[in-house]
């Protein structure tokens, strides 16, 4: 069985796990949260220890996001 853990109730300043464009899970901080009626919230995330050039806008419902520590703390996944 395969479960996808989705983010719920995320606020600015919260830490989250993010799968980057190279499919590596990293820790990031939510810089902004944009909410609009009838649409999924958007999160502007900053990868911790990375330049702000790499900041991204990602839908909160994206499978690239997971609760903090879900994937970034695993020892069996690739790291930079």
C-alpha atoms as a PDB file:
ATOM      1  CA  UNK A   1       0.000   0.000   0.000  1.00  0.00           C
ATOM      2  CA  UNK A   2       1.189   3.516  -0.816  1.00  0.00           C
ATOM      3  CA  UNK A   3       0.133   6.596   1.122  1.00  0.00           C
ATOM      4  CA  UNK A   4       0.763  10.191   0.171  1.00  0.00           C
ATOM      5  CA  UNK A   5       1.032  12.503   3.153  1.00  0.00           C
ATOM      6  CA  UNK A   6      -0.444  15.896   2.328  1.00  0.00           C
ATOM      7  CA  UNK A   7       0.104  19.188   4.056  1.00  0.00           C
ATOM      8  CA  UNK A   8      -2.712  20.631   6.101  1.00  0.00           C
ATOM      9  CA  UNK A   9      -2.861  23.792   8.143  1.00  0.00           C
ATOM     10  CA  UNK A  10       0.499  25.253   7.064  1.00  0.00           C
ATOM     11  CA  UNK A  11       1.488  28.770   8.112  1.00  0.00           C
ATOM     12  CA  UNK A  12       4.275  31.197   7.242  1.00  0.00           C
ATOM     13  CA  UNK A  13       7.484  30.177   9.004  1.00  0.00           C
ATOM     14  CA  UNK A  14       6.616  26.473   9.152  1.00  0.00           C
ATOM     15  CA  UNK A  15       9.170  23.894   8.024  1.00  0.00           C
ATOM     16  CA  UNK A  16       8.099  21.428   5.332  1.00  0.00           C
ATOM     17  CA  UNK A  17       9.682  18.688   3.241  1.00  0.00           C
ATOM     18  CA  UNK A  18       9.920  19.527  -0.467  1.00  0.00           C
ATOM     19  CA  UNK A  19      10.935  17.298  -3.345  1.00  0.00           C
ATOM     20  CA  UNK A  20      13.100  19.445  -5.591  1.00  0.00           C
ATOM     21  CA  UNK A  21      13.338  19.257  -9.380  1.00  0.00           C
ATOM     22  CA  UNK A  22      16.076  16.597  -9.052  1.00  0.00           C
ATOM     23  CA  UNK A  23      13.718  14.378  -6.968  1.00  0.00           C
ATOM     24  CA  UNK A  24      15.635  14.903  -3.736  1.00  0.00           C
ATOM     25  CA  UNK A  25      13.717  15.688  -0.551  1.00  0.00           C
ATOM     26  CA  UNK A  26      14.907  18.792   1.293  1.00  0.00           C
ATOM     27  CA  UNK A  27      13.792  20.899   4.230  1.00  0.00           C
ATOM     28  CA  UNK A  28      12.260  24.238   3.330  1.00  0.00           C
ATOM     29  CA  UNK A  29      10.582  27.124   5.126  1.00  0.00           C
ATOM     30  CA  UNK A  30       7.257  28.620   4.058  1.00  0.00           C
ATOM     31  CA  UNK A  31       7.932  32.300   3.256  1.00  0.00           C
ATOM     32  CA  UNK A  32       4.424  33.263   2.104  1.00  0.00           C
ATOM     33  CA  UNK A  33       1.023  31.654   1.809  1.00  0.00           C
ATOM     34  CA  UNK A  34      -1.352  32.955  -0.838  1.00  0.00           C
ATOM     35  CA  UNK A  35      -5.013  32.050  -0.431  1.00  0.00           C
ATOM     36  CA  UNK A  36      -7.754  32.804  -2.936  1.00  0.00           C
ATOM     37  CA  UNK A  37     -11.390  31.712  -2.777  1.00  0.00           C
ATOM     38  CA  UNK A  38     -12.085  28.608  -4.840  1.00  0.00           C
ATOM     39  CA  UNK A  39      -8.415  27.762  -5.451  1.00  0.00           C
ATOM     40  CA  UNK A  40      -5.724  25.714  -3.756  1.00  0.00           C
ATOM     41  CA  UNK A  41      -3.426  27.843  -1.589  1.00  0.00           C
ATOM     42  CA  UNK A  42       0.006  28.626  -3.017  1.00  0.00           C
ATOM     43  CA  UNK A  43       3.134  28.436  -0.897  1.00  0.00           C
ATOM     44  CA  UNK A  44       6.319  30.342  -1.585  1.00  0.00           C
ATOM     45  CA  UNK A  45       9.013  28.140  -0.129  1.00  0.00           C
ATOM     46  CA  UNK A  46      12.683  28.741   0.620  1.00  0.00           C
ATOM     47  CA  UNK A  47      15.005  25.748   0.631  1.00  0.00           C
ATOM     48  CA  UNK A  48      16.961  25.912   3.888  1.00  0.00           C
ATOM     49  CA  UNK A  49      20.721  26.512   3.350  1.00  0.00           C
ATOM     50  CA  UNK A  50      20.156  27.421  -0.315  1.00  0.00           C
ATOM     51  CA  UNK A  51      20.239  30.780  -2.080  1.00  0.00           C
ATOM     52  CA  UNK A  52      16.869  32.523  -2.467  1.00  0.00           C
ATOM     53  CA  UNK A  53      17.350  32.181  -6.236  1.00  0.00           C
ATOM     54  CA  UNK A  54      15.962  28.645  -5.805  1.00  0.00           C
ATOM     55  CA  UNK A  55      12.785  29.699  -3.958  1.00  0.00           C
ATOM     56  CA  UNK A  56       9.650  28.278  -5.539  1.00  0.00           C
ATOM     57  CA  UNK A  57       5.907  28.750  -5.692  1.00  0.00           C
ATOM     58  CA  UNK A  58       4.138  25.415  -5.181  1.00  0.00           C
ATOM     59  CA  UNK A  59       0.465  24.553  -4.706  1.00  0.00           C
ATOM     60  CA  UNK A  60      -0.167  23.363  -1.167  1.00  0.00           C
ATOM     61  CA  UNK A  61      -1.827  20.224  -2.585  1.00  0.00           C
ATOM     62  CA  UNK A  62       1.242  19.274  -4.650  1.00  0.00           C
ATOM     63  CA  UNK A  63       2.651  15.763  -4.102  1.00  0.00           C
ATOM     64  CA  UNK A  64       6.071  17.479  -3.924  1.00  0.00           C
ATOM     65  CA  UNK A  65       5.206  18.741  -0.433  1.00  0.00           C
ATOM     66  CA  UNK A  66       5.031  16.691   2.751  1.00  0.00           C
ATOM     67  CA  UNK A  67       4.971  17.356   6.487  1.00  0.00           C
ATOM     68  CA  UNK A  68       8.363  18.261   7.971  1.00  0.00           C
ATOM     69  CA  UNK A  69      10.557  15.219   8.640  1.00  0.00           C
ATOM     70  CA  UNK A  70       8.487  12.780   6.591  1.00  0.00           C
ATOM     71  CA  UNK A  71      11.189  12.304   3.944  1.00  0.00           C
ATOM     72  CA  UNK A  72      14.049  14.656   4.855  1.00  0.00           C
ATOM     73  CA  UNK A  73      14.879  12.655   7.981  1.00  0.00           C
ATOM     74  CA  UNK A  74      15.074   9.300   6.171  1.00  0.00           C
ATOM     75  CA  UNK A  75      18.549   7.812   5.775  1.00  0.00           C
ATOM     76  CA  UNK A  76      17.613   5.639   2.773  1.00  0.00           C
ATOM     77  CA  UNK A  77      16.891   8.567   0.420  1.00  0.00           C
ATOM     78  CA  UNK A  78      19.506  10.488  -1.615  1.00  0.00           C
ATOM     79  CA  UNK A  79      20.981  13.720  -0.216  1.00  0.00           C
ATOM     80  CA  UNK A  80      23.116  16.489  -1.663  1.00  0.00           C
END
